[in-house]
Amino acid sequence: MFTLVSGMGAGAPNQAANAITSGLFFALVQGGLFKLGEKFSKPPVEDVFYTKTRSMLYNLGLQTFEKNFKKGLLTDSTLPLLTDSALRDAKIPPGPRLLILDHIQRSDLLYMYLNSFS
């Protein structure tokens, strides 16, 4: 690294090439350090489109499938519309699919029952 910066390496010293090489090297190092610092300094952002989904998956012990919901764009607003094929397309295995669909069906029935008194 000393030879890169000082130009004291083997061969004839070329000041312009050494300056460009040194500048490029330090720019890359500085950019890499900046990105690394950016990654570790950001607090995780709460995704508001998946709040109910995350809660449901956590309650069912299926939080490992949250990434599948996000990849499939299955947001909170799509929960009442979920079907077996939609969950299959999101690569949710059969057992968890059944639990999720049952949970949604029971939640809908409870919601309708509670609203019937209004």
PDB file of N, CA and C in Angstrom:
ATOM      1  N   MET A   1       0.827  -1.181   0.000  1.00  0.00           N
ATOM      2  CA  MET A   1       0.000   0.000   0.000  1.00  0.00           C
ATOM      3  C   MET A   1       0.873   1.247   0.000  1.00  0.00           C
ATOM      4  N   PHE A   2       2.011   1.208   0.692  1.00  0.00           N
ATOM      5  CA  PHE A   2       2.910   2.358   0.710  1.00  0.00           C
ATOM      6  C   PHE A   2       3.379   2.693  -0.697  1.00  0.00           C
ATOM      7  N   THR A   3       3.659   1.649  -1.488  1.00  0.00           N
ATOM      8  CA  THR A   3       4.113   1.903  -2.851  1.00  0.00           C
ATOM      9  C   THR A   3       3.009   2.506  -3.694  1.00  0.00           C
ATOM     10  N   LEU A   4       1.782   2.149  -3.437  1.00  0.00           N
ATOM     11  CA  LEU A   4       0.651   2.695  -4.178  1.00  0.00           C
ATOM     12  C   LEU A   4       0.516   4.185  -3.922  1.00  0.00           C
ATOM     13  N   VAL A   5       0.677   4.598  -2.683  1.00  0.00           N
ATOM     14  CA  VAL A   5       0.491   5.991  -2.304  1.00  0.00           C
ATOM     15  C   VAL A   5       1.711   6.832  -2.646  1.00  0.00           C
ATOM     16  N   SER A   6       2.875   6.318  -2.384  1.00  0.00           N
ATOM     17  CA  SER A   6       4.078   7.134  -2.534  1.00  0.00           C
ATOM     18  C   SER A   6       4.641   7.136  -3.944  1.00  0.00           C
ATOM     19  N   GLY A   7       4.287   6.139  -4.753  1.00  0.00           N
ATOM     20  CA  GLY A   7       4.847   6.064  -6.097  1.00  0.00           C
ATOM     21  C   GLY A   7       6.260   5.533  -6.097  1.00  0.00           C
ATOM     22  N   MET A   8       6.696   4.902  -5.025  1.00  0.00           N
ATOM     23  CA  MET A   8       8.070   4.408  -4.901  1.00  0.00           C
ATOM     24  C   MET A   8       8.182   2.935  -5.304  1.00  0.00           C
ATOM     25  N   GLY A   9       7.253   2.443  -6.096  1.00  0.00           N
ATOM     26  CA  GLY A   9       7.263   1.036  -6.467  1.00  0.00           C
ATOM     27  C   GLY A   9       8.228   0.755  -7.589  1.00  0.00           C
ATOM     28  N   ALA A  10       8.165  -0.477  -8.108  1.00  0.00           N
ATOM     29  CA  ALA A  10       9.060  -0.881  -9.192  1.00  0.00           C
ATOM     30  C   ALA A  10       8.668  -0.160 -10.471  1.00  0.00           C
ATOM     31  N   GLY A  11       9.633   0.089 -11.325  1.00  0.00           N
ATOM     32  CA  GLY A  11       9.378   0.736 -12.602  1.00  0.00           C
ATOM     33  C   GLY A  11       9.501   2.242 -12.485  1.00  0.00           C
ATOM     34  N   ALA A  12       9.347   2.907 -13.611  1.00  0.00           N
ATOM     35  CA  ALA A  12       9.461   4.368 -13.630  1.00  0.00           C
ATOM     36  C   ALA A  12       8.218   4.992 -13.019  1.00  0.00           C
ATOM     37  N   PRO A  13       8.385   5.958 -12.135  1.00  0.00           N
ATOM     38  CA  PRO A  13       7.227   6.590 -11.513  1.00  0.00           C
ATOM     39  C   PRO A  13       6.474   7.465 -12.511  1.00  0.00           C
ATOM     40  N   ASN A  14       5.184   7.270 -12.542  1.00  0.00           N
ATOM     41  CA  ASN A  14       4.316   8.082 -13.398  1.00  0.00           C
ATOM     42  C   ASN A  14       3.367   8.816 -12.465  1.00  0.00           C
ATOM     43  N   GLN A  15       3.599  10.099 -12.257  1.00  0.00           N
ATOM     44  CA  GLN A  15       2.868  10.878 -11.260  1.00  0.00           C
ATOM     45  C   GLN A  15       1.361  10.915 -11.539  1.00  0.00           C
ATOM     46  N   ALA A  16       0.969  11.099 -12.782  1.00  0.00           N
ATOM     47  CA  ALA A  16      -0.460  11.200 -13.110  1.00  0.00           C
ATOM     48  C   ALA A  16      -1.167   9.867 -12.859  1.00  0.00           C
ATOM     49  N   ALA A  17      -0.558   8.788 -13.308  1.00  0.00           N
ATOM     50  CA  ALA A  17      -1.166   7.467 -13.100  1.00  0.00           C
ATOM     51  C   ALA A  17      -1.233   7.133 -11.622  1.00  0.00           C
ATOM     52  N   ASN A  18      -0.180   7.465 -10.870  1.00  0.00           N
ATOM     53  CA  ASN A  18      -0.188   7.201  -9.429  1.00  0.00           C
ATOM     54  C   ASN A  18      -1.254   8.024  -8.720  1.00  0.00           C
ATOM     55  N   ALA A  19      -1.436   9.269  -9.124  1.00  0.00           N
ATOM     56  CA  ALA A  19      -2.448  10.124  -8.504  1.00  0.00           C
ATOM     57  C   ALA A  19      -3.847   9.580  -8.766  1.00  0.00           C
ATOM     58  N   ILE A  20      -4.093   9.158  -9.998  1.00  0.00           N
ATOM     59  CA  ILE A  20      -5.414   8.611 -10.346  1.00  0.00           C
ATOM     60  C   ILE A  20      -5.652   7.305  -9.602  1.00  0.00           C
ATOM     61  N   THR A  21      -4.661   6.439  -9.590  1.00  0.00           N
ATOM     62  CA  THR A  21      -4.781   5.153  -8.900  1.00  0.00           C
ATOM     63  C   THR A  21      -5.019   5.358  -7.405  1.00  0.00           C
ATOM     64  N   SER A  22      -4.249   6.266  -6.811  1.00  0.00           N
ATOM     65  CA  SER A  22      -4.405   6.538  -5.376  1.00  0.00           C
ATOM     66  C   SER A  22      -5.777   7.111  -5.077  1.00  0.00           C
ATOM     67  N   GLY A  23      -6.204   8.056  -5.901  1.00  0.00           N
ATOM     68  CA  GLY A  23      -7.520   8.664  -5.703  1.00  0.00           C
ATOM     69  C   GLY A  23      -8.637   7.650  -5.834  1.00  0.00           C
ATOM     70  N   LEU A  24      -8.546   6.797  -6.846  1.00  0.00           N
ATOM     71  CA  LEU A  24      -9.555   5.764  -7.062  1.00  0.00           C
ATOM     72  C   LEU A  24      -9.585   4.777  -5.898  1.00  0.00           C
ATOM     73  N   PHE A  25      -8.402   4.366  -5.450  1.00  0.00           N
ATOM     74  CA  PHE A  25      -8.329   3.427  -4.329  1.00  0.00           C
ATOM     75  C   PHE A  25      -8.979   4.011  -3.076  1.00  0.00           C
ATOM     76  N   PHE A  26      -8.624   5.230  -2.734  1.00  0.00           N
ATOM     77  CA  PHE A  26      -9.182   5.832  -1.523  1.00  0.00           C
ATOM     78  C   PHE A  26     -10.670   6.148  -1.670  1.00  0.00           C
ATOM     79  N   ALA A  27     -11.102   6.477  -2.880  1.00  0.00           N
ATOM     80  CA  ALA A  27     -12.535   6.716  -3.102  1.00  0.00           C
ATOM     81  C   ALA A  27     -13.320   5.431  -2.889  1.00  0.00           C
ATOM     82  N   LEU A  28     -12.804   4.323  -3.396  1.00  0.00           N
ATOM     83  CA  LEU A  28     -13.479   3.036  -3.203  1.00  0.00           C
ATOM     84  C   LEU A  28     -13.516   2.631  -1.736  1.00  0.00           C
ATOM     85  N   VAL A  29     -12.401   2.812  -1.044  1.00  0.00           N
ATOM     86  CA  VAL A  29     -12.358   2.480   0.379  1.00  0.00           C
ATOM     87  C   VAL A  29     -13.329   3.363   1.154  1.00  0.00           C
ATOM     88  N   GLN A  30     -13.321   4.664   0.859  1.00  0.00           N
ATOM     89  CA  GLN A  30     -14.207   5.595   1.559  1.00  0.00           C
ATOM     90  C   GLN A  30     -15.677   5.273   1.267  1.00  0.00           C
ATOM     91  N   GLY A  31     -15.996   4.962   0.010  1.00  0.00           N
ATOM     92  CA  GLY A  31     -17.367   4.598  -0.352  1.00  0.00           C
ATOM     93  C   GLY A  31     -17.816   3.330   0.357  1.00  0.00           C
ATOM     94  N   GLY A  32     -16.910   2.346   0.423  1.00  0.00           N
ATOM     95  CA  GLY A  32     -17.239   1.100   1.116  1.00  0.00           C
ATOM     96  C   GLY A  32     -17.478   1.321   2.596  1.00  0.00           C
ATOM     97  N   LEU A  33     -16.635   2.136   3.222  1.00  0.00           N
ATOM     98  CA  LEU A  33     -16.823   2.436   4.642  1.00  0.00           C
ATOM     99  C   LEU A  33     -18.107   3.213   4.884  1.00  0.00           C
ATOM    100  N   PHE A  34     -18.440   4.118   3.965  1.00  0.00           N
ATOM    101  CA  PHE A  34     -19.681   4.887   4.093  1.00  0.00           C
ATOM    102  C   PHE A  34     -20.892   3.961   4.039  1.00  0.00           C
ATOM    103  N   LYS A  35     -20.916   3.059   3.056  1.00  0.00           N
ATOM    104  CA  LYS A  35     -22.039   2.122   2.922  1.00  0.00           C
ATOM    105  C   LYS A  35     -22.136   1.192   4.134  1.00  0.00           C
ATOM    106  N   LEU A  36     -21.003   0.753   4.628  1.00  0.00           N
ATOM    107  CA  LEU A  36     -20.988  -0.116   5.802  1.00  0.00           C
ATOM    108  C   LEU A  36     -21.543   0.623   7.023  1.00  0.00           C
ATOM    109  N   GLY A  37     -21.115   1.854   7.218  1.00  0.00           N
ATOM    110  CA  GLY A  37     -21.628   2.661   8.322  1.00  0.00           C
ATOM    111  C   GLY A  37     -23.110   2.946   8.178  1.00  0.00           C
ATOM    112  N   GLU A  38     -23.553   3.176   6.945  1.00  0.00           N
ATOM    113  CA  GLU A  38     -24.966   3.429   6.676  1.00  0.00           C
ATOM    114  C   GLU A  38     -25.809   2.214   7.047  1.00  0.00           C
ATOM    115  N   LYS A  39     -25.303   1.049   6.724  1.00  0.00           N
ATOM    116  CA  LYS A  39     -26.037  -0.192   7.007  1.00  0.00           C
ATOM    117  C   LYS A  39     -26.222  -0.413   8.498  1.00  0.00           C
ATOM    118  N   PHE A  40     -25.184  -0.147   9.283  1.00  0.00           N
ATOM    119  CA  PHE A  40     -25.252  -0.411  10.715  1.00  0.00           C
ATOM    120  C   PHE A  40     -25.879   0.721  11.513  1.00  0.00           C
ATOM    121  N   SER A  41     -25.986   1.914  10.952  1.00  0.00           N
ATOM    122  CA  SER A  41     -26.522   3.038  11.717  1.00  0.00           C
ATOM    123  C   SER A  41     -28.020   3.201  11.557  1.00  0.00           C
ATOM    124  N   LYS A  42     -28.609   2.564  10.550  1.00  0.00           N
ATOM    125  CA  LYS A  42     -30.046   2.705  10.315  1.00  0.00           C
ATOM    126  C   LYS A  42     -30.833   1.814  11.272  1.00  0.00           C
ATOM    127  N   PRO A  43     -31.810   2.393  11.975  1.00  0.00           N
ATOM    128  CA  PRO A  43     -32.697   1.518  12.734  1.00  0.00           C
ATOM    129  C   PRO A  43     -33.637   0.817  11.758  1.00  0.00           C
ATOM    130  N   PRO A  44     -34.044  -0.403  12.056  1.00  0.00           N
ATOM    131  CA  PRO A  44     -34.951  -1.100  11.140  1.00  0.00           C
ATOM    132  C   PRO A  44     -36.266  -0.344  11.018  1.00  0.00           C
ATOM    133  N   VAL A  45     -36.734  -0.218   9.796  1.00  0.00           N
ATOM    134  CA  VAL A  45     -37.967   0.506   9.519  1.00  0.00           C
ATOM    135  C   VAL A  45     -39.138  -0.459   9.634  1.00  0.00           C
ATOM    136  N   GLU A  46     -40.134  -0.066  10.395  1.00  0.00           N
ATOM    137  CA  GLU A  46     -41.339  -0.875  10.553  1.00  0.00           C
ATOM    138  C   GLU A  46     -42.180  -0.734   9.287  1.00  0.00           C
ATOM    139  N   ASP A  47     -42.461  -1.845   8.641  1.00  0.00           N
ATOM    140  CA  ASP A  47     -43.240  -1.815   7.416  1.00  0.00           C
ATOM    141  C   ASP A  47     -44.725  -1.802   7.777  1.00  0.00           C
ATOM    142  N   VAL A  48     -45.376  -0.660   7.567  1.00  0.00           N
ATOM    143  CA  VAL A  48     -46.766  -0.487   8.007  1.00  0.00           C
ATOM    144  C   VAL A  48     -47.757  -1.314   7.197  1.00  0.00           C
ATOM    145  N   PHE A  49     -47.348  -1.813   6.039  1.00  0.00           N
ATOM    146  CA  PHE A  49     -48.254  -2.608   5.216  1.00  0.00           C
ATOM    147  C   PHE A  49     -48.339  -4.062   5.674  1.00  0.00           C
ATOM    148  N   TYR A  50     -47.497  -4.446   6.629  1.00  0.00           N
ATOM    149  CA  TYR A  50     -47.458  -5.842   7.077  1.00  0.00           C
ATOM    150  C   TYR A  50     -47.652  -5.979   8.590  1.00  0.00           C
ATOM    151  N   THR A  51     -48.241  -4.995   9.240  1.00  0.00           N
ATOM    152  CA  THR A  51     -48.402  -5.034  10.690  1.00  0.00           C
ATOM    153  C   THR A  51     -49.319  -6.177  11.121  1.00  0.00           C
ATOM    154  N   LYS A  52     -50.507  -6.265  10.527  1.00  0.00           N
ATOM    155  CA  LYS A  52     -51.455  -7.338  10.883  1.00  0.00           C
ATOM    156  C   LYS A  52     -50.911  -8.702  10.454  1.00  0.00           C
ATOM    157  N   THR A  53     -50.280  -8.728   9.303  1.00  0.00           N
ATOM    158  CA  THR A  53     -49.706  -9.984   8.808  1.00  0.00           C
ATOM    159  C   THR A  53     -48.643 -10.495   9.764  1.00  0.00           C
ATOM    160  N   ARG A  54     -47.747  -9.600  10.175  1.00  0.00           N
ATOM    161  CA  ARG A  54     -46.672  -9.981  11.101  1.00  0.00           C
ATOM    162  C   ARG A  54     -47.261 -10.481  12.414  1.00  0.00           C
ATOM    163  N   SER A  55     -48.275  -9.792  12.919  1.00  0.00           N
ATOM    164  CA  SER A  55     -48.919 -10.185  14.172  1.00  0.00           C
ATOM    165  C   SER A  55     -49.563 -11.566  14.043  1.00  0.00           C
ATOM    166  N   MET A  56     -50.269 -11.790  12.935  1.00  0.00           N
ATOM    167  CA  MET A  56     -50.924 -13.079  12.718  1.00  0.00           C
ATOM    168  C   MET A  56     -49.886 -14.206  12.656  1.00  0.00           C
ATOM    169  N   LEU A  57     -48.827 -13.991  11.890  1.00  0.00           N
ATOM    170  CA  LEU A  57     -47.804 -15.027  11.751  1.00  0.00           C
ATOM    171  C   LEU A  57     -47.116 -15.305  13.084  1.00  0.00           C
ATOM    172  N   TYR A  58     -46.878 -14.255  13.871  1.00  0.00           N
ATOM    173  CA  TYR A  58     -46.253 -14.428  15.179  1.00  0.00           C
ATOM    174  C   TYR A  58     -47.178 -15.228  16.105  1.00  0.00           C
ATOM    175  N   ASN A  59     -48.471 -14.895  16.116  1.00  0.00           N
ATOM    176  CA  ASN A  59     -49.438 -15.601  16.966  1.00  0.00           C
ATOM    177  C   ASN A  59     -49.553 -17.080  16.591  1.00  0.00           C
ATOM    178  N   LEU A  60     -49.371 -17.369  15.305  1.00  0.00           N
ATOM    179  CA  LEU A  60     -49.450 -18.759  14.848  1.00  0.00           C
ATOM    180  C   LEU A  60     -48.101 -19.477  14.936  1.00  0.00           C
ATOM    181  N   GLY A  61     -47.049 -18.764  15.321  1.00  0.00           N
ATOM    182  CA  GLY A  61     -45.720 -19.358  15.382  1.00  0.00           C
ATOM    183  C   GLY A  61     -45.109 -19.567  14.005  1.00  0.00           C
ATOM    184  N   LEU A  62     -45.544 -18.771  13.027  1.00  0.00           N
ATOM    185  CA  LEU A  62     -45.106 -18.933  11.645  1.00  0.00           C
ATOM    186  C   LEU A  62     -44.334 -17.719  11.140  1.00  0.00           C
ATOM    187  N   GLN A  63     -43.653 -17.022  12.040  1.00  0.00           N
ATOM    188  CA  GLN A  63     -42.966 -15.783  11.670  1.00  0.00           C
ATOM    189  C   GLN A  63     -41.871 -16.002  10.623  1.00  0.00           C
ATOM    190  N   THR A  64     -41.437 -17.240  10.453  1.00  0.00           N
ATOM    191  CA  THR A  64     -40.406 -17.508   9.437  1.00  0.00           C
ATOM    192  C   THR A  64     -40.936 -17.290   8.015  1.00  0.00           C
ATOM    193  N   PHE A  65     -42.243 -17.213   7.852  1.00  0.00           N
ATOM    194  CA  PHE A  65     -42.824 -17.039   6.522  1.00  0.00           C
ATOM    195  C   PHE A  65     -43.136 -15.583   6.191  1.00  0.00           C
ATOM    196  N   GLU A  66     -42.714 -14.658   7.056  1.00  0.00           N
ATOM    197  CA  GLU A  66     -42.975 -13.238   6.784  1.00  0.00           C
ATOM    198  C   GLU A  66     -42.328 -12.804   5.471  1.00  0.00           C
ATOM    199  N   LYS A  67     -41.123 -13.286   5.217  1.00  0.00           N
ATOM    200  CA  LYS A  67     -40.434 -12.911   3.974  1.00  0.00           C
ATOM    201  C   LYS A  67     -41.199 -13.428   2.750  1.00  0.00           C
ATOM    202  N   ASN A  68     -41.863 -14.570   2.882  1.00  0.00           N
ATOM    203  CA  ASN A  68     -42.664 -15.097   1.773  1.00  0.00           C
ATOM    204  C   ASN A  68     -43.839 -14.169   1.476  1.00  0.00           C
ATOM    205  N   PHE A  69     -44.466 -13.650   2.538  1.00  0.00           N
ATOM    206  CA  PHE A  69     -45.581 -12.721   2.353  1.00  0.00           C
ATOM    207  C   PHE A  69     -45.095 -11.459   1.658  1.00  0.00           C
ATOM    208  N   LYS A  70     -43.933 -10.961   2.059  1.00  0.00           N
ATOM    209  CA  LYS A  70     -43.406  -9.735   1.453  1.00  0.00           C
ATOM    210  C   LYS A  70     -43.015  -9.964   0.001  1.00  0.00           C
ATOM    211  N   LYS A  71     -42.388 -11.096  -0.289  1.00  0.00           N
ATOM    212  CA  LYS A  71     -42.018 -11.388  -1.676  1.00  0.00           C
ATOM    213  C   LYS A  71     -43.256 -11.528  -2.555  1.00  0.00           C
ATOM    214  N   GLY A  72     -44.313 -12.096  -1.998  1.00  0.00           N
ATOM    215  CA  GLY A  72     -45.564 -12.268  -2.736  1.00  0.00           C
ATOM    216  C   GLY A  72     -46.462 -11.044  -2.696  1.00  0.00           C
ATOM    217  N   LEU A  73     -46.006  -9.972  -2.043  1.00  0.00           N
ATOM    218  CA  LEU A  73     -46.782  -8.729  -1.889  1.00  0.00           C
ATOM    219  C   LEU A  73     -48.147  -8.989  -1.252  1.00  0.00           C
ATOM    220  N   LEU A  74     -48.177  -9.920  -0.305  1.00  0.00           N
ATOM    221  CA  LEU A  74     -49.404 -10.225   0.427  1.00  0.00           C
ATOM    222  C   LEU A  74     -49.445  -9.327   1.661  1.00  0.00           C
ATOM    223  N   THR A  75     -50.036  -8.147   1.506  1.00  0.00           N
ATOM    224  CA  THR A  75     -50.074  -7.130   2.551  1.00  0.00           C
ATOM    225  C   THR A  75     -51.274  -7.336   3.463  1.00  0.00           C
ATOM    226  N   ASP A  76     -51.403  -6.462   4.463  1.00  0.00           N
ATOM    227  CA  ASP A  76     -52.536  -6.533   5.388  1.00  0.00           C
ATOM    228  C   ASP A  76     -53.866  -6.437   4.643  1.00  0.00           C
ATOM    229  N   SER A  77     -53.912  -5.617   3.607  1.00  0.00           N
ATOM    230  CA  SER A  77     -55.173  -5.441   2.886  1.00  0.00           C
ATOM    231  C   SER A  77     -55.553  -6.672   2.070  1.00  0.00           C
ATOM    232  N   THR A  78     -54.600  -7.561   1.810  1.00  0.00           N
ATOM    233  CA  THR A  78     -54.930  -8.782   1.056  1.00  0.00           C
ATOM    234  C   THR A  78     -55.272  -9.961   1.957  1.00  0.00           C
ATOM    235  N   LEU A  79     -55.113  -9.816   3.266  1.00  0.00           N
ATOM    236  CA  LEU A  79     -55.376 -10.942   4.171  1.00  0.00           C
ATOM    237  C   LEU A  79     -56.778 -11.537   3.994  1.00  0.00           C
ATOM    238  N   PRO A  80     -57.837 -10.731   3.938  1.00  0.00           N
ATOM    239  CA  PRO A  80     -59.162 -11.345   3.781  1.00  0.00           C
ATOM    240  C   PRO A  80     -59.355 -12.030   2.433  1.00  0.00           C
ATOM    241  N   LEU A  81     -58.504 -11.732   1.471  1.00  0.00           N
ATOM    242  CA  LEU A  81     -58.641 -12.286   0.120  1.00  0.00           C
ATOM    243  C   LEU A  81     -57.776 -13.517  -0.119  1.00  0.00           C
ATOM    244  N   LEU A  82     -56.997 -13.911   0.890  1.00  0.00           N
ATOM    245  CA  LEU A  82     -56.052 -15.012   0.701  1.00  0.00           C
ATOM    246  C   LEU A  82     -56.762 -16.322   0.362  1.00  0.00           C
ATOM    247  N   THR A  83     -56.156 -17.035  -0.564  1.00  0.00           N
ATOM    248  CA  THR A  83     -56.636 -18.364  -0.939  1.00  0.00           C
ATOM    249  C   THR A  83     -55.474 -19.342  -0.831  1.00  0.00           C
ATOM    250  N   ASP A  84     -55.805 -20.615  -0.932  1.00  0.00           N
ATOM    251  CA  ASP A  84     -54.774 -21.639  -0.885  1.00  0.00           C
ATOM    252  C   ASP A  84     -53.775 -21.441  -2.014  1.00  0.00           C
ATOM    253  N   SER A  85     -54.262 -21.125  -3.198  1.00  0.00           N
ATOM    254  CA  SER A  85     -53.345 -20.967  -4.337  1.00  0.00           C
ATOM    255  C   SER A  85     -52.456 -19.734  -4.180  1.00  0.00           C
ATOM    256  N   ALA A  86     -52.967 -18.659  -3.584  1.00  0.00           N
ATOM    257  CA  ALA A  86     -52.146 -17.467  -3.365  1.00  0.00           C
ATOM    258  C   ALA A  86     -51.015 -17.782  -2.384  1.00  0.00           C
ATOM    259  N   LEU A  87     -51.334 -18.529  -1.339  1.00  0.00           N
ATOM    260  CA  LEU A  87     -50.307 -18.914  -0.366  1.00  0.00           C
ATOM    261  C   LEU A  87     -49.314 -19.905  -0.982  1.00  0.00           C
ATOM    262  N   ARG A  88     -49.811 -20.784  -1.852  1.00  0.00           N
ATOM    263  CA  ARG A  88     -48.925 -21.728  -2.538  1.00  0.00           C
ATOM    264  C   ARG A  88     -47.965 -20.966  -3.448  1.00  0.00           C
ATOM    265  N   ASP A  89     -48.475 -19.947  -4.149  1.00  0.00           N
ATOM    266  CA  ASP A  89     -47.619 -19.127  -5.016  1.00  0.00           C
ATOM    267  C   ASP A  89     -46.544 -18.398  -4.213  1.00  0.00           C
ATOM    268  N   ALA A  90     -46.849 -18.089  -2.950  1.00  0.00           N
ATOM    269  CA  ALA A  90     -45.873 -17.431  -2.069  1.00  0.00           C
ATOM    270  C   ALA A  90     -44.949 -18.456  -1.399  1.00  0.00           C
ATOM    271  N   LYS A  91     -45.061 -19.716  -1.821  1.00  0.00           N
ATOM    272  CA  LYS A  91     -44.208 -20.814  -1.330  1.00  0.00           C
ATOM    273  C   LYS A  91     -44.377 -21.083   0.167  1.00  0.00           C
ATOM    274  N   ILE A  92     -45.638 -21.025   0.615  1.00  0.00           N
ATOM    275  CA  ILE A  92     -45.980 -21.406   1.987  1.00  0.00           C
ATOM    276  C   ILE A  92     -46.352 -22.895   1.939  1.00  0.00           C
ATOM    277  N   PRO A  93     -45.727 -23.745   2.764  1.00  0.00           N
ATOM    278  CA  PRO A  93     -46.035 -25.189   2.761  1.00  0.00           C
ATOM    279  C   PRO A  93     -47.485 -25.466   3.184  1.00  0.00           C
ATOM    280  N   PRO A  94     -47.995 -26.667   2.878  1.00  0.00           N
ATOM    281  CA  PRO A  94     -49.407 -26.997   3.143  1.00  0.00           C
ATOM    282  C   PRO A  94     -49.856 -26.815   4.595  1.00  0.00           C
ATOM    283  N   GLY A  95     -49.082 -27.292   5.556  1.00  0.00           N
ATOM    284  CA  GLY A  95     -49.491 -27.169   6.966  1.00  0.00           C
ATOM    285  C   GLY A  95     -49.689 -25.726   7.389  1.00  0.00           C
ATOM    286  N   PRO A  96     -48.686 -24.877   7.211  1.00  0.00           N
ATOM    287  CA  PRO A  96     -48.870 -23.469   7.557  1.00  0.00           C
ATOM    288  C   PRO A  96     -49.978 -22.787   6.749  1.00  0.00           C
ATOM    289  N   ARG A  97     -50.160 -23.199   5.494  1.00  0.00           N
ATOM    290  CA  ARG A  97     -51.255 -22.622   4.683  1.00  0.00           C
ATOM    291  C   ARG A  97     -52.596 -22.870   5.351  1.00  0.00           C
ATOM    292  N   LEU A  98     -52.799 -24.109   5.803  1.00  0.00           N
ATOM    293  CA  LEU A  98     -54.066 -24.442   6.463  1.00  0.00           C
ATOM    294  C   LEU A  98     -54.274 -23.632   7.736  1.00  0.00           C
ATOM    295  N   LEU A  99     -53.201 -23.479   8.524  1.00  0.00           N
ATOM    296  CA  LEU A  99     -53.304 -22.694   9.761  1.00  0.00           C
ATOM    297  C   LEU A  99     -53.643 -21.233   9.467  1.00  0.00           C
ATOM    298  N   ILE A 100     -53.009 -20.670   8.456  1.00  0.00           N
ATOM    299  CA  ILE A 100     -53.245 -19.270   8.104  1.00  0.00           C
ATOM    300  C   ILE A 100     -54.673 -19.076   7.613  1.00  0.00           C
ATOM    301  N   LEU A 101     -55.122 -19.944   6.714  1.00  0.00           N
ATOM    302  CA  LEU A 101     -56.487 -19.816   6.187  1.00  0.00           C
ATOM    303  C   LEU A 101     -57.530 -20.009   7.285  1.00  0.00           C
ATOM    304  N   ASP A 102     -57.301 -20.952   8.196  1.00  0.00           N
ATOM    305  CA  ASP A 102     -58.212 -21.167   9.314  1.00  0.00           C
ATOM    306  C   ASP A 102     -58.248 -19.940  10.226  1.00  0.00           C
ATOM    307  N   HIS A 103     -57.102 -19.373  10.501  1.00  0.00           N
ATOM    308  CA  HIS A 103     -57.032 -18.186  11.355  1.00  0.00           C
ATOM    309  C   HIS A 103     -57.803 -17.023  10.734  1.00  0.00           C
ATOM    310  N   ILE A 104     -57.622 -16.826   9.444  1.00  0.00           N
ATOM    311  CA  ILE A 104     -58.322 -15.724   8.763  1.00  0.00           C
ATOM    312  C   ILE A 104     -59.824 -15.966   8.756  1.00  0.00           C
ATOM    313  N   GLN A 105     -60.231 -17.201   8.501  1.00  0.00           N
ATOM    314  CA  GLN A 105     -61.666 -17.519   8.484  1.00  0.00           C
ATOM    315  C   GLN A 105     -62.286 -17.285   9.858  1.00  0.00           C
ATOM    316  N   ARG A 106     -61.605 -17.723  10.914  1.00  0.00           N
ATOM    317  CA  ARG A 106     -62.121 -17.526  12.274  1.00  0.00           C
ATOM    318  C   ARG A 106     -62.155 -16.045  12.631  1.00  0.00           C
ATOM    319  N   SER A 107     -61.157 -15.282  12.207  1.00  0.00           N
ATOM    320  CA  SER A 107     -61.125 -13.845  12.479  1.00  0.00           C
ATOM    321  C   SER A 107     -62.279 -13.144  11.783  1.00  0.00           C
ATOM    322  N   ASP A 108     -62.572 -13.547  10.547  1.00  0.00           N
ATOM    323  CA  ASP A 108     -63.684 -12.948   9.807  1.00  0.00           C
ATOM    324  C   ASP A 108     -65.021 -13.269  10.471  1.00  0.00           C
ATOM    325  N   LEU A 109     -65.177 -14.519  10.912  1.00  0.00           N
ATOM    326  CA  LEU A 109     -66.421 -14.896  11.579  1.00  0.00           C
ATOM    327  C   LEU A 109     -66.611 -14.134  12.883  1.00  0.00           C
ATOM    328  N   LEU A 110     -65.555 -13.980  13.653  1.00  0.00           N
ATOM    329  CA  LEU A 110     -65.617 -13.235  14.901  1.00  0.00           C
ATOM    330  C   LEU A 110     -65.949 -11.773  14.629  1.00  0.00           C
ATOM    331  N   TYR A 111     -65.332 -11.205  13.600  1.00  0.00           N
ATOM    332  CA  TYR A 111     -65.585  -9.805  13.234  1.00  0.00           C
ATOM    333  C   TYR A 111     -67.048  -9.617  12.835  1.00  0.00           C
ATOM    334  N   MET A 112     -67.575 -10.532  12.026  1.00  0.00           N
ATOM    335  CA  MET A 112     -68.985 -10.428  11.600  1.00  0.00           C
ATOM    336  C   MET A 112     -69.908 -10.597  12.804  1.00  0.00           C
ATOM    337  N   TYR A 113     -69.591 -11.518  13.705  1.00  0.00           N
ATOM    338  CA  TYR A 113     -70.413 -11.745  14.890  1.00  0.00           C
ATOM    339  C   TYR A 113     -70.446 -10.506  15.783  1.00  0.00           C
ATOM    340  N   LEU A 114     -69.281  -9.925  16.022  1.00  0.00           N
ATOM    341  CA  LEU A 114     -69.225  -8.735  16.876  1.00  0.00           C
ATOM    342  C   LEU A 114     -69.917  -7.550  16.234  1.00  0.00           C
ATOM    343  N   ASN A 115     -69.877  -7.430  14.931  1.00  0.00           N
ATOM    344  CA  ASN A 115     -70.528  -6.319  14.251  1.00  0.00           C
ATOM    345  C   ASN A 115     -72.037  -6.513  14.123  1.00  0.00           C
ATOM    346  N   SER A 116     -72.526  -7.712  14.338  1.00  0.00           N
ATOM    347  CA  SER A 116     -73.974  -7.949  14.241  1.00  0.00           C
ATOM    348  C   SER A 116     -74.718  -7.299  15.403  1.00  0.00           C
ATOM    349  N   PHE A 117     -74.006  -6.942  16.485  1.00  0.00           N
ATOM    350  CA  PHE A 117     -74.627  -6.290  17.623  1.00  0.00           C
ATOM    351  C   PHE A 117     -74.678  -4.781  17.476  1.00  0.00           C
ATOM    352  N   SER A 118     -74.061  -4.253  16.449  1.00  0.00           N
ATOM    353  CA  SER A 118     -74.020  -2.793  16.268  1.00  0.00           C
ATOM    354  C   SER A 118     -75.288  -2.273  15.639  1.00  0.00           C
TER     355      SER A 118
END
